[in-house]
């Protein structure tokens, strides 16, 4: 639910100032986002990776940045990176997320944004680097040392495996840092994202939140009437299941034979007559 605070109340202003000073910003999160954070904290005990498979409109992007801001305020001289799924227009993509995340941050705690370097700089020496993840933009950051990285909307990344395996994980080596991968499902099992999803499911570093779970946790933000309307307005069932129910459903418009079904596949067995006939033809040809 959107914040509805009386900023003229001295007690509220003092509480917000204390929260930003200490990096305790959970008051800004929806219940569904708090559940994601709790799952991430639990997964850190056994994994350096965390996968968020969630519905559209949950606020994944702002949650990622929120988490990084908290980590940087609490821990001096830490470096995080936010990888956005764009090749152009990085500033246009991140500015609304930044404004939403810092909308009630007191001026004295607000990190300075360097638009030339696309970087947040905090007073304690911590920083957040913003980079596009497409068109090989991430390659310019090879050799970085990071304490954590977040990949936003992984399904829209051109070469997700290269980004994670060749750039992010080497950057996390020295710090033994964390990777957070956030996305709705891709429209094909061949996308790199599916292999990470499968691994996360098996190893236990997966958190899933579809539109129904979001409604249960935040009924005011996801009212049943709006969900029903959105389902009605979504013309294709496969799109609804993928975008809002977080299921791995292949895009029906991309299937070569639209009416093809897996059950059509049958094992082929040669009968005795066909085998004898084949042998007879072979002998005649000698």
Foldseek 3Di string as FASTA:
>chain_A
DQDDDDCVDPVVVVVLQVCLQQLPPCVGAFLVLVVQVVLQVVCVVPDQEAEEAEFPPRLPLLSVVSVVSSVPSNDAQAEEEEEEADPPDQCVVCVVSLCSNCVPPDPVFAFDADPVQRKTATPRNYIYGYFYQEPCGLVVQAPAAHQEYEYEALLSHPQSCCNVVVGPVVNPVVNVHHYYYYHFAHQDCPDPVVVVVVVCVVVVNYDYYALVNSCVRPVVVRPPVVLVVVCVVPPDPQCCCRNGVSDHHHDLVPDPDNVDDPVVDDDDDDDPVVVVVVVVVVVVVD
